[in-house]
Amino acid sequence: MRVSISAVTETLPIVALQVEDWDLPLYLAAGEARSFSLLQSLRNFQFKNTIESVSVRAGCSLEAFDDSDFTDDGQTFTAPPDKDLHITLDRSFVTSDLDDDIESVRCYCK
């Protein structure tokens, strides 16, 4: 059973990443950076290149990269100060290159 990203944002610390074929999203807190490098942990296999959508709390930002060392084709998703941001990556030409291709993320709030 997949969980709707919009359904979980009520308790979302900062960012939720909806992972392909997984029941629950991955949550990140403000200031958290996460690499899904398999060299760091084989557990990262479940997240590496499987993220399909992102939700970001109002006033916060998420940087997503298609390389595990926070480089290569980075894109920043910034929510407005008064509204959460929800993006399904494959629904836009601008974000489709990151669909199922995110290997590292950083989130922060102002």
PDB file of N, CA and C in Angstrom:
ATOM      1  N   MET A   1       0.826  -1.176   0.000  1.00  0.00           N
ATOM      2  CA  MET A   1       0.000   0.000   0.000  1.00  0.00           C
ATOM      3  C   MET A   1       0.874   1.245   0.000  1.00  0.00           C
ATOM      4  N   ARG A   2       0.658   2.137  -0.928  1.00  0.00           N
ATOM      5  CA  ARG A   2       1.421   3.381  -0.991  1.00  0.00           C
ATOM      6  C   ARG A   2       0.733   4.431  -0.146  1.00  0.00           C
ATOM      7  N   VAL A   3       1.524   5.278   0.483  1.00  0.00           N
ATOM      8  CA  VAL A   3       0.994   6.348   1.310  1.00  0.00           C
ATOM      9  C   VAL A   3       1.085   7.645   0.518  1.00  0.00           C
ATOM     10  N   SER A   4       0.019   8.388   0.487  1.00  0.00           N
ATOM     11  CA  SER A   4       0.010   9.672  -0.208  1.00  0.00           C
ATOM     12  C   SER A   4       0.915  10.653   0.518  1.00  0.00           C
ATOM     13  N   ILE A   5       1.756  11.353  -0.240  1.00  0.00           N
ATOM     14  CA  ILE A   5       2.635  12.350   0.362  1.00  0.00           C
ATOM     15  C   ILE A   5       1.814  13.415   1.077  1.00  0.00           C
ATOM     16  N   SER A   6       0.727  13.846   0.484  1.00  0.00           N
ATOM     17  CA  SER A   6      -0.081  14.886   1.113  1.00  0.00           C
ATOM     18  C   SER A   6      -0.672  14.410   2.443  1.00  0.00           C
ATOM     19  N   ALA A   7      -0.884  13.122   2.584  1.00  0.00           N
ATOM     20  CA  ALA A   7      -1.447  12.584   3.821  1.00  0.00           C
ATOM     21  C   ALA A   7      -0.438  12.583   4.966  1.00  0.00           C
ATOM     22  N   VAL A   8       0.837  12.562   4.671  1.00  0.00           N
ATOM     23  CA  VAL A   8       1.832  12.481   5.737  1.00  0.00           C
ATOM     24  C   VAL A   8       2.434  13.821   6.098  1.00  0.00           C
ATOM     25  N   THR A   9       2.146  14.887   5.358  1.00  0.00           N
ATOM     26  CA  THR A   9       2.797  16.162   5.631  1.00  0.00           C
ATOM     27  C   THR A   9       2.318  16.829   6.904  1.00  0.00           C
ATOM     28  N   GLU A  10       1.228  16.372   7.493  1.00  0.00           N
ATOM     29  CA  GLU A  10       0.781  16.945   8.750  1.00  0.00           C
ATOM     30  C   GLU A  10       1.819  16.724   9.853  1.00  0.00           C
ATOM     31  N   THR A  11       2.553  15.626   9.792  1.00  0.00           N
ATOM     32  CA  THR A  11       3.561  15.323  10.804  1.00  0.00           C
ATOM     33  C   THR A  11       4.966  15.443  10.252  1.00  0.00           C
ATOM     34  N   LEU A  12       5.099  15.961   9.072  1.00  0.00           N
ATOM     35  CA  LEU A  12       6.382  16.056   8.394  1.00  0.00           C
ATOM     36  C   LEU A  12       7.319  17.036   9.089  1.00  0.00           C
ATOM     37  N   PRO A  13       8.524  16.589   9.480  1.00  0.00           N
ATOM     38  CA  PRO A  13       9.476  17.519  10.083  1.00  0.00           C
ATOM     39  C   PRO A  13       9.866  18.627   9.099  1.00  0.00           C
ATOM     40  N   ILE A  14      10.446  18.281   7.971  1.00  0.00           N
ATOM     41  CA  ILE A  14      10.856  19.254   6.971  1.00  0.00           C
ATOM     42  C   ILE A  14      10.579  18.740   5.567  1.00  0.00           C
ATOM     43  N   VAL A  15      11.089  17.549   5.254  1.00  0.00           N
ATOM     44  CA  VAL A  15      11.004  17.016   3.895  1.00  0.00           C
ATOM     45  C   VAL A  15      10.568  15.551   3.934  1.00  0.00           C
ATOM     46  N   ALA A  16       9.727  15.169   2.976  1.00  0.00           N
ATOM     47  CA  ALA A  16       9.386  13.760   2.777  1.00  0.00           C
ATOM     48  C   ALA A  16       9.728  13.404   1.346  1.00  0.00           C
ATOM     49  N   LEU A  17      10.349  12.255   1.177  1.00  0.00           N
ATOM     50  CA  LEU A  17      10.700  11.762  -0.149  1.00  0.00           C
ATOM     51  C   LEU A  17       9.918  10.479  -0.380  1.00  0.00           C
ATOM     52  N   GLN A  18       9.066  10.467  -1.387  1.00  0.00           N
ATOM     53  CA  GLN A  18       8.280   9.271  -1.684  1.00  0.00           C
ATOM     54  C   GLN A  18       9.128   8.337  -2.524  1.00  0.00           C
ATOM     55  N   VAL A  19       9.310   7.139  -2.026  1.00  0.00           N
ATOM     56  CA  VAL A  19      10.184   6.161  -2.651  1.00  0.00           C
ATOM     57  C   VAL A  19       9.344   5.149  -3.415  1.00  0.00           C
ATOM     58  N   GLU A  20       9.798   4.804  -4.594  1.00  0.00           N
ATOM     59  CA  GLU A  20       9.126   3.839  -5.466  1.00  0.00           C
ATOM     60  C   GLU A  20       8.896   2.516  -4.751  1.00  0.00           C
ATOM     61  N   ASP A  21       7.667   2.041  -4.778  1.00  0.00           N
ATOM     62  CA  ASP A  21       7.292   0.731  -4.249  1.00  0.00           C
ATOM     63  C   ASP A  21       7.539   0.546  -2.750  1.00  0.00           C
ATOM     64  N   TRP A  22       7.606   1.628  -1.993  1.00  0.00           N
ATOM     65  CA  TRP A  22       7.769   1.520  -0.543  1.00  0.00           C
ATOM     66  C   TRP A  22       6.546   2.132   0.115  1.00  0.00           C
ATOM     67  N   ASP A  23       6.161   1.582   1.236  1.00  0.00           N
ATOM     68  CA  ASP A  23       4.945   2.016   1.903  1.00  0.00           C
ATOM     69  C   ASP A  23       5.058   3.394   2.540  1.00  0.00           C
ATOM     70  N   LEU A  24       6.193   3.701   3.129  1.00  0.00           N
ATOM     71  CA  LEU A  24       6.345   4.956   3.848  1.00  0.00           C
ATOM     72  C   LEU A  24       7.437   5.822   3.232  1.00  0.00           C
ATOM     73  N   PRO A  25       7.253   7.131   3.277  1.00  0.00           N
ATOM     74  CA  PRO A  25       8.286   8.020   2.751  1.00  0.00           C
ATOM     75  C   PRO A  25       9.491   8.105   3.683  1.00  0.00           C
ATOM     76  N   LEU A  26      10.558   8.647   3.169  1.00  0.00           N
ATOM     77  CA  LEU A  26      11.765   8.922   3.944  1.00  0.00           C
ATOM     78  C   LEU A  26      11.676  10.368   4.409  1.00  0.00           C
ATOM     79  N   TYR A  27      11.862  10.615   5.704  1.00  0.00           N
ATOM     80  CA  TYR A  27      11.779  11.959   6.261  1.00  0.00           C
ATOM     81  C   TYR A  27      13.167  12.509   6.534  1.00  0.00           C
ATOM     82  N   LEU A  28      13.315  13.816   6.336  1.00  0.00           N
ATOM     83  CA  LEU A  28      14.552  14.501   6.667  1.00  0.00           C
ATOM     84  C   LEU A  28      14.233  15.698   7.550  1.00  0.00           C
ATOM     85  N   ALA A  29      15.158  16.041   8.445  1.00  0.00           N
ATOM     86  CA  ALA A  29      14.994  17.189   9.327  1.00  0.00           C
ATOM     87  C   ALA A  29      15.813  18.363   8.800  1.00  0.00           C
ATOM     88  N   ALA A  30      15.536  19.547   9.298  1.00  0.00           N
ATOM     89  CA  ALA A  30      16.284  20.746   8.894  1.00  0.00           C
ATOM     90  C   ALA A  30      17.770  20.548   9.155  1.00  0.00           C
ATOM     91  N   GLY A  31      18.577  20.902   8.176  1.00  0.00           N
ATOM     92  CA  GLY A  31      20.021  20.778   8.302  1.00  0.00           C
ATOM     93  C   GLY A  31      20.552  19.385   7.984  1.00  0.00           C
ATOM     94  N   GLU A  32      19.680  18.445   7.709  1.00  0.00           N
ATOM     95  CA  GLU A  32      20.116  17.071   7.432  1.00  0.00           C
ATOM     96  C   GLU A  32      20.561  16.921   5.984  1.00  0.00           C
ATOM     97  N   ALA A  33      21.640  16.200   5.805  1.00  0.00           N
ATOM     98  CA  ALA A  33      22.137  15.831   4.471  1.00  0.00           C
ATOM     99  C   ALA A  33      22.232  14.317   4.442  1.00  0.00           C
ATOM    100  N   ARG A  34      21.867  13.749   3.316  1.00  0.00           N
ATOM    101  CA  ARG A  34      21.876  12.285   3.222  1.00  0.00           C
ATOM    102  C   ARG A  34      22.385  11.853   1.855  1.00  0.00           C
ATOM    103  N   SER A  35      23.391  10.993   1.867  1.00  0.00           N
ATOM    104  CA  SER A  35      23.899  10.395   0.643  1.00  0.00           C
ATOM    105  C   SER A  35      23.416   8.950   0.606  1.00  0.00           C
ATOM    106  N   PHE A  36      23.021   8.501  -0.577  1.00  0.00           N
ATOM    107  CA  PHE A  36      22.546   7.127  -0.723  1.00  0.00           C
ATOM    108  C   PHE A  36      23.613   6.260  -1.372  1.00  0.00           C
ATOM    109  N   SER A  37      24.872   6.561  -1.073  1.00  0.00           N
ATOM    110  CA  SER A  37      25.993   5.808  -1.615  1.00  0.00           C
ATOM    111  C   SER A  37      25.996   4.383  -1.076  1.00  0.00           C
ATOM    112  N   LEU A  38      26.142   3.435  -1.974  1.00  0.00           N
ATOM    113  CA  LEU A  38      26.225   2.030  -1.558  1.00  0.00           C
ATOM    114  C   LEU A  38      27.555   1.736  -0.873  1.00  0.00           C
ATOM    115  N   LEU A  39      28.547   2.589  -1.092  1.00  0.00           N
ATOM    116  CA  LEU A  39      29.831   2.412  -0.415  1.00  0.00           C
ATOM    117  C   LEU A  39      29.716   2.732   1.076  1.00  0.00           C
ATOM    118  N   GLN A  40      28.755   3.589   1.442  1.00  0.00           N
ATOM    119  CA  GLN A  40      28.546   3.927   2.846  1.00  0.00           C
ATOM    120  C   GLN A  40      27.717   2.874   3.569  1.00  0.00           C
ATOM    121  N   SER A  41      26.713   2.341   2.876  1.00  0.00           N
ATOM    122  CA  SER A  41      25.850   1.327   3.483  1.00  0.00           C
ATOM    123  C   SER A  41      25.039   0.640   2.401  1.00  0.00           C
ATOM    124  N   LEU A  42      24.929  -0.675   2.499  1.00  0.00           N
ATOM    125  CA  LEU A  42      24.091  -1.399   1.548  1.00  0.00           C
ATOM    126  C   LEU A  42      22.603  -1.108   1.764  1.00  0.00           C
ATOM    127  N   ARG A  43      22.260  -0.591   2.937  1.00  0.00           N
ATOM    128  CA  ARG A  43      20.871  -0.206   3.206  1.00  0.00           C
ATOM    129  C   ARG A  43      20.419   0.956   2.310  1.00  0.00           C
ATOM    130  N   ASN A  44      21.366   1.703   1.782  1.00  0.00           N
ATOM    131  CA  ASN A  44      21.024   2.818   0.904  1.00  0.00           C
ATOM    132  C   ASN A  44      20.419   2.353  -0.414  1.00  0.00           C
ATOM    133  N   PHE A  45      20.528   1.069  -0.713  1.00  0.00           N
ATOM    134  CA  PHE A  45      19.979   0.531  -1.954  1.00  0.00           C
ATOM    135  C   PHE A  45      18.484   0.824  -2.094  1.00  0.00           C
ATOM    136  N   GLN A  46      17.766   0.813  -0.963  1.00  0.00           N
ATOM    137  CA  GLN A  46      16.324   1.034  -1.016  1.00  0.00           C
ATOM    138  C   GLN A  46      15.949   2.467  -1.385  1.00  0.00           C
ATOM    139  N   PHE A  47      16.885   3.419  -1.260  1.00  0.00           N
ATOM    140  CA  PHE A  47      16.591   4.817  -1.567  1.00  0.00           C
ATOM    141  C   PHE A  47      17.291   5.321  -2.825  1.00  0.00           C
ATOM    142  N   LYS A  48      18.433   4.768  -3.143  1.00  0.00           N
ATOM    143  CA  LYS A  48      19.219   5.249  -4.280  1.00  0.00           C
ATOM    144  C   LYS A  48      18.436   5.064  -5.581  1.00  0.00           C
ATOM    145  N   ASN A  49      18.259   6.155  -6.299  1.00  0.00           N
ATOM    146  CA  ASN A  49      17.587   6.157  -7.606  1.00  0.00           C
ATOM    147  C   ASN A  49      16.166   5.604  -7.571  1.00  0.00           C
ATOM    148  N   THR A  50      15.449   5.803  -6.453  1.00  0.00           N
ATOM    149  CA  THR A  50      14.066   5.333  -6.362  1.00  0.00           C
ATOM    150  C   THR A  50      13.095   6.428  -5.929  1.00  0.00           C
ATOM    151  N   ILE A  51      13.555   7.650  -5.741  1.00  0.00           N
ATOM    152  CA  ILE A  51      12.689   8.738  -5.263  1.00  0.00           C
ATOM    153  C   ILE A  51      11.869   9.289  -6.425  1.00  0.00           C
ATOM    154  N   GLU A  52      10.555   9.328  -6.228  1.00  0.00           N
ATOM    155  CA  GLU A  52       9.640   9.755  -7.281  1.00  0.00           C
ATOM    156  C   GLU A  52       8.977  11.097  -7.018  1.00  0.00           C
ATOM    157  N   SER A  53       8.895  11.519  -5.760  1.00  0.00           N
ATOM    158  CA  SER A  53       8.285  12.809  -5.455  1.00  0.00           C
ATOM    159  C   SER A  53       8.865  13.359  -4.163  1.00  0.00           C
ATOM    160  N   VAL A  54       8.718  14.680  -4.000  1.00  0.00           N
ATOM    161  CA  VAL A  54       9.227  15.348  -2.807  1.00  0.00           C
ATOM    162  C   VAL A  54       8.158  16.273  -2.248  1.00  0.00           C
ATOM    163  N   SER A  55       8.151  16.402  -0.936  1.00  0.00           N
ATOM    164  CA  SER A  55       7.303  17.364  -0.244  1.00  0.00           C
ATOM    165  C   SER A  55       8.185  18.139   0.711  1.00  0.00           C
ATOM    166  N   VAL A  56       8.076  19.460   0.663  1.00  0.00           N
ATOM    167  CA  VAL A  56       8.931  20.339   1.456  1.00  0.00           C
ATOM    168  C   VAL A  56       8.046  21.268   2.277  1.00  0.00           C
ATOM    169  N   ARG A  57       8.341  21.396   3.578  1.00  0.00           N
ATOM    170  CA  ARG A  57       7.579  22.263   4.468  1.00  0.00           C
ATOM    171  C   ARG A  57       7.717  23.725   4.051  1.00  0.00           C
ATOM    172  N   ALA A  58       6.701  24.523   4.360  1.00  0.00           N
ATOM    173  CA  ALA A  58       6.708  25.956   4.074  1.00  0.00           C
ATOM    174  C   ALA A  58       7.975  26.616   4.628  1.00  0.00           C
ATOM    175  N   GLY A  59       8.621  27.429   3.810  1.00  0.00           N
ATOM    176  CA  GLY A  59       9.820  28.154   4.226  1.00  0.00           C
ATOM    177  C   GLY A  59      11.099  27.344   4.203  1.00  0.00           C
ATOM    178  N   CYS A  60      11.048  26.116   3.721  1.00  0.00           N
ATOM    179  CA  CYS A  60      12.231  25.252   3.697  1.00  0.00           C
ATOM    180  C   CYS A  60      12.621  24.911   2.261  1.00  0.00           C
ATOM    181  N   SER A  61      13.833  24.372   2.123  1.00  0.00           N
ATOM    182  CA  SER A  61      14.339  23.997   0.800  1.00  0.00           C
ATOM    183  C   SER A  61      14.958  22.618   0.836  1.00  0.00           C
ATOM    184  N   LEU A  62      14.926  21.966  -0.309  1.00  0.00           N
ATOM    185  CA  LEU A  62      15.570  20.673  -0.501  1.00  0.00           C
ATOM    186  C   LEU A  62      16.469  20.772  -1.717  1.00  0.00           C
ATOM    187  N   GLU A  63      17.727  20.383  -1.567  1.00  0.00           N
ATOM    188  CA  GLU A  63      18.640  20.257  -2.696  1.00  0.00           C
ATOM    189  C   GLU A  63      18.748  18.779  -3.011  1.00  0.00           C
ATOM    190  N   ALA A  64      18.564  18.417  -4.260  1.00  0.00           N
ATOM    191  CA  ALA A  64      18.636  17.019  -4.684  1.00  0.00           C
ATOM    192  C   ALA A  64      19.661  16.900  -5.808  1.00  0.00           C
ATOM    193  N   PHE A  65      20.461  15.837  -5.761  1.00  0.00           N
ATOM    194  CA  PHE A  65      21.541  15.635  -6.720  1.00  0.00           C
ATOM    195  C   PHE A  65      21.483  14.224  -7.288  1.00  0.00           C
ATOM    196  N   ASP A  66      21.934  14.065  -8.522  1.00  0.00           N
ATOM    197  CA  ASP A  66      21.941  12.718  -9.095  1.00  0.00           C
ATOM    198  C   ASP A  66      23.291  12.033  -8.947  1.00  0.00           C
ATOM    199  N   ASP A  67      24.103  12.521  -8.004  1.00  0.00           N
ATOM    200  CA  ASP A  67      25.351  11.859  -7.647  1.00  0.00           C
ATOM    201  C   ASP A  67      25.414  11.772  -6.125  1.00  0.00           C
ATOM    202  N   SER A  68      26.019  10.745  -5.585  1.00  0.00           N
ATOM    203  CA  SER A  68      25.999  10.512  -4.134  1.00  0.00           C
ATOM    204  C   SER A  68      26.926  11.428  -3.348  1.00  0.00           C
ATOM    205  N   ASP A  69      27.723  12.267  -4.039  1.00  0.00           N
ATOM    206  CA  ASP A  69      28.609  13.194  -3.318  1.00  0.00           C
ATOM    207  C   ASP A  69      28.137  14.646  -3.445  1.00  0.00           C
ATOM    208  N   PHE A  70      26.825  14.838  -3.596  1.00  0.00           N
ATOM    209  CA  PHE A  70      26.198  16.158  -3.632  1.00  0.00           C
ATOM    210  C   PHE A  70      26.689  17.013  -4.807  1.00  0.00           C
ATOM    211  N   THR A  71      26.919  16.368  -5.939  1.00  0.00           N
ATOM    212  CA  THR A  71      27.331  17.070  -7.147  1.00  0.00           C
ATOM    213  C   THR A  71      26.487  16.559  -8.315  1.00  0.00           C
ATOM    214  N   ASP A  72      26.682  17.140  -9.447  1.00  0.00           N
ATOM    215  CA  ASP A  72      26.110  16.673 -10.705  1.00  0.00           C
ATOM    216  C   ASP A  72      24.599  16.878 -10.780  1.00  0.00           C
ATOM    217  N   ASP A  73      24.209  17.831 -11.574  1.00  0.00           N
ATOM    218  CA  ASP A  73      22.791  18.113 -11.856  1.00  0.00           C
ATOM    219  C   ASP A  73      21.959  18.361 -10.612  1.00  0.00           C
ATOM    220  N   GLY A  74      22.451  19.186  -9.708  1.00  0.00           N
ATOM    221  CA  GLY A  74      21.682  19.521  -8.522  1.00  0.00           C
ATOM    222  C   GLY A  74      20.506  20.420  -8.849  1.00  0.00           C
ATOM    223  N   GLN A  75      19.446  20.252  -8.096  1.00  0.00           N
ATOM    224  CA  GLN A  75      18.267  21.087  -8.256  1.00  0.00           C
ATOM    225  C   GLN A  75      17.737  21.416  -6.874  1.00  0.00           C
ATOM    226  N   THR A  76      17.304  22.664  -6.681  1.00  0.00           N
ATOM    227  CA  THR A  76      16.775  23.104  -5.393  1.00  0.00           C
ATOM    228  C   THR A  76      15.272  23.302  -5.493  1.00  0.00           C
ATOM    229  N   PHE A  77      14.555  22.747  -4.520  1.00  0.00           N
ATOM    230  CA  PHE A  77      13.107  22.900  -4.413  1.00  0.00           C
ATOM    231  C   PHE A  77      12.837  23.725  -3.161  1.00  0.00           C
ATOM    232  N   THR A  78      12.271  24.921  -3.322  1.00  0.00           N
ATOM    233  CA  THR A  78      12.026  25.819  -2.200  1.00  0.00           C
ATOM    234  C   THR A  78      10.529  26.077  -2.067  1.00  0.00           C
ATOM    235  N   ALA A  79      10.015  25.779  -0.880  1.00  0.00           N
ATOM    236  CA  ALA A  79       8.602  26.027  -0.608  1.00  0.00           C
ATOM    237  C   ALA A  79       8.418  27.494  -0.231  1.00  0.00           C
ATOM    238  N   PRO A  80       7.307  28.100  -0.652  1.00  0.00           N
ATOM    239  CA  PRO A  80       7.039  29.478  -0.236  1.00  0.00           C
ATOM    240  C   PRO A  80       6.881  29.551   1.281  1.00  0.00           C
ATOM    241  N   PRO A  81       6.993  30.743   1.862  1.00  0.00           N
ATOM    242  CA  PRO A  81       6.934  30.869   3.325  1.00  0.00           C
ATOM    243  C   PRO A  81       5.591  30.454   3.931  1.00  0.00           C
ATOM    244  N   ASP A  82       4.527  30.468   3.133  1.00  0.00           N
ATOM    245  CA  ASP A  82       3.204  30.208   3.689  1.00  0.00           C
ATOM    246  C   ASP A  82       2.524  28.950   3.149  1.00  0.00           C
ATOM    247  N   LYS A  83       3.276  28.111   2.423  1.00  0.00           N
ATOM    248  CA  LYS A  83       2.643  26.945   1.805  1.00  0.00           C
ATOM    249  C   LYS A  83       3.661  25.822   1.595  1.00  0.00           C
ATOM    250  N   ASP A  84       3.252  24.577   1.895  1.00  0.00           N
ATOM    251  CA  ASP A  84       4.107  23.428   1.621  1.00  0.00           C
ATOM    252  C   ASP A  84       4.203  23.220   0.117  1.00  0.00           C
ATOM    253  N   LEU A  85       5.293  22.615  -0.320  1.00  0.00           N
ATOM    254  CA  LEU A  85       5.533  22.336  -1.733  1.00  0.00           C
ATOM    255  C   LEU A  85       5.500  20.828  -1.960  1.00  0.00           C
ATOM    256  N   HIS A  86       4.738  20.369  -2.939  1.00  0.00           N
ATOM    257  CA  HIS A  86       4.637  18.953  -3.279  1.00  0.00           C
ATOM    258  C   HIS A  86       4.903  18.809  -4.770  1.00  0.00           C
ATOM    259  N   ILE A  87       5.878  17.984  -5.130  1.00  0.00           N
ATOM    260  CA  ILE A  87       6.246  17.802  -6.534  1.00  0.00           C
ATOM    261  C   ILE A  87       6.383  16.324  -6.852  1.00  0.00           C
ATOM    262  N   THR A  88       5.703  15.894  -7.901  1.00  0.00           N
ATOM    263  CA  THR A  88       5.919  14.564  -8.465  1.00  0.00           C
ATOM    264  C   THR A  88       6.916  14.755  -9.602  1.00  0.00           C
ATOM    265  N   LEU A  89       8.080  14.167  -9.466  1.00  0.00           N
ATOM    266  CA  LEU A  89       9.213  14.485 -10.342  1.00  0.00           C
ATOM    267  C   LEU A  89       8.980  14.187 -11.814  1.00  0.00           C
ATOM    268  N   ASP A  90       8.227  13.155 -12.140  1.00  0.00           N
ATOM    269  CA  ASP A  90       8.069  12.803 -13.551  1.00  0.00           C
ATOM    270  C   ASP A  90       6.971  13.596 -14.263  1.00  0.00           C
ATOM    271  N   ARG A  91       6.343  14.539 -13.575  1.00  0.00           N
ATOM    272  CA  ARG A  91       5.253  15.303 -14.183  1.00  0.00           C
ATOM    273  C   ARG A  91       5.692  16.628 -14.794  1.00  0.00           C
ATOM    274  N   SER A  92       6.972  16.924 -14.749  1.00  0.00           N
ATOM    275  CA  SER A  92       7.473  18.173 -15.313  1.00  0.00           C
ATOM    276  C   SER A  92       8.775  17.919 -16.058  1.00  0.00           C
ATOM    277  N   PHE A  93       8.911  18.571 -17.193  1.00  0.00           N
ATOM    278  CA  PHE A  93      10.155  18.456 -17.961  1.00  0.00           C
ATOM    279  C   PHE A  93      11.341  18.940 -17.133  1.00  0.00           C
ATOM    280  N   VAL A  94      11.121  19.958 -16.310  1.00  0.00           N
ATOM    281  CA  VAL A  94      12.188  20.553 -15.501  1.00  0.00           C
ATOM    282  C   VAL A  94      12.703  19.581 -14.447  1.00  0.00           C
ATOM    283  N   THR A  95      11.826  18.746 -13.874  1.00  0.00           N
ATOM    284  CA  THR A  95      12.228  17.852 -12.784  1.00  0.00           C
ATOM    285  C   THR A  95      12.350  16.389 -13.199  1.00  0.00           C
ATOM    286  N   SER A  96      11.935  16.054 -14.396  1.00  0.00           N
ATOM    287  CA  SER A  96      11.889  14.638 -14.796  1.00  0.00           C
ATOM    288  C   SER A  96      13.262  13.974 -14.821  1.00  0.00           C
ATOM    289  N   ASP A  97      14.338  14.745 -15.018  1.00  0.00           N
ATOM    290  CA  ASP A  97      15.664  14.128 -15.020  1.00  0.00           C
ATOM    291  C   ASP A  97      16.070  13.607 -13.643  1.00  0.00           C
ATOM    292  N   LEU A  98      15.403  14.068 -12.576  1.00  0.00           N
ATOM    293  CA  LEU A  98      15.694  13.561 -11.229  1.00  0.00           C
ATOM    294  C   LEU A  98      14.771  12.417 -10.815  1.00  0.00           C
ATOM    295  N   ASP A  99      13.728  12.135 -11.577  1.00  0.00           N
ATOM    296  CA  ASP A  99      12.816  11.050 -11.240  1.00  0.00           C
ATOM    297  C   ASP A  99      13.576   9.721 -11.230  1.00  0.00           C
ATOM    298  N   ASP A 100      13.535   9.050 -10.101  1.00  0.00           N
ATOM    299  CA  ASP A 100      14.260   7.781  -9.911  1.00  0.00           C
ATOM    300  C   ASP A 100      15.760   7.935 -10.172  1.00  0.00           C
ATOM    301  N   ASP A 101      16.307   9.124  -9.920  1.00  0.00           N
ATOM    302  CA  ASP A 101      17.734   9.361 -10.170  1.00  0.00           C
ATOM    303  C   ASP A 101      18.380  10.221  -9.086  1.00  0.00           C
ATOM    304  N   ILE A 102      17.811  10.284  -7.893  1.00  0.00           N
ATOM    305  CA  ILE A 102      18.394  11.067  -6.797  1.00  0.00           C
ATOM    306  C   ILE A 102      19.295  10.172  -5.965  1.00  0.00           C
ATOM    307  N   GLU A 103      20.531  10.644  -5.758  1.00  0.00           N
ATOM    308  CA  GLU A 103      21.492   9.871  -4.968  1.00  0.00           C
ATOM    309  C   GLU A 103      21.970  10.601  -3.718  1.00  0.00           C
ATOM    310  N   SER A 104      21.646  11.901  -3.575  1.00  0.00           N
ATOM    311  CA  SER A 104      21.979  12.625  -2.357  1.00  0.00           C
ATOM    312  C   SER A 104      21.053  13.828  -2.218  1.00  0.00           C
ATOM    313  N   VAL A 105      20.787  14.217  -0.967  1.00  0.00           N
ATOM    314  CA  VAL A 105      19.878  15.333  -0.682  1.00  0.00           C
ATOM    315  C   VAL A 105      20.367  16.110   0.528  1.00  0.00           C
ATOM    316  N   ARG A 106      20.000  17.397   0.556  1.00  0.00           N
ATOM    317  CA  ARG A 106      20.249  18.262   1.713  1.00  0.00           C
ATOM    318  C   ARG A 106      18.996  19.106   1.915  1.00  0.00           C
ATOM    319  N   CYS A 107      18.616  19.338   3.161  1.00  0.00           N
ATOM    320  CA  CYS A 107      17.473  20.219   3.411  1.00  0.00           C
ATOM    321  C   CYS A 107      17.819  21.237   4.481  1.00  0.00           C
ATOM    322  N   TYR A 108      17.191  22.398   4.354  1.00  0.00           N
ATOM    323  CA  TYR A 108      17.437  23.482   5.296  1.00  0.00           C
ATOM    324  C   TYR A 108      16.247  24.423   5.301  1.00  0.00           C
ATOM    325  N   CYS A 109      16.143  25.189   6.377  1.00  0.00           N
ATOM    326  CA  CYS A 109      15.098  26.201   6.520  1.00  0.00           C
ATOM    327  C   CYS A 109      15.757  27.519   6.858  1.00  0.00           C
ATOM    328  N   LYS A 110      15.094  28.596   6.478  1.00  0.00           N
ATOM    329  CA  LYS A 110      15.623  29.940   6.775  1.00  0.00           C
ATOM    330  C   LYS A 110      15.347  30.333   8.192  1.00  0.00           C
TER     331      LYS A 110
END
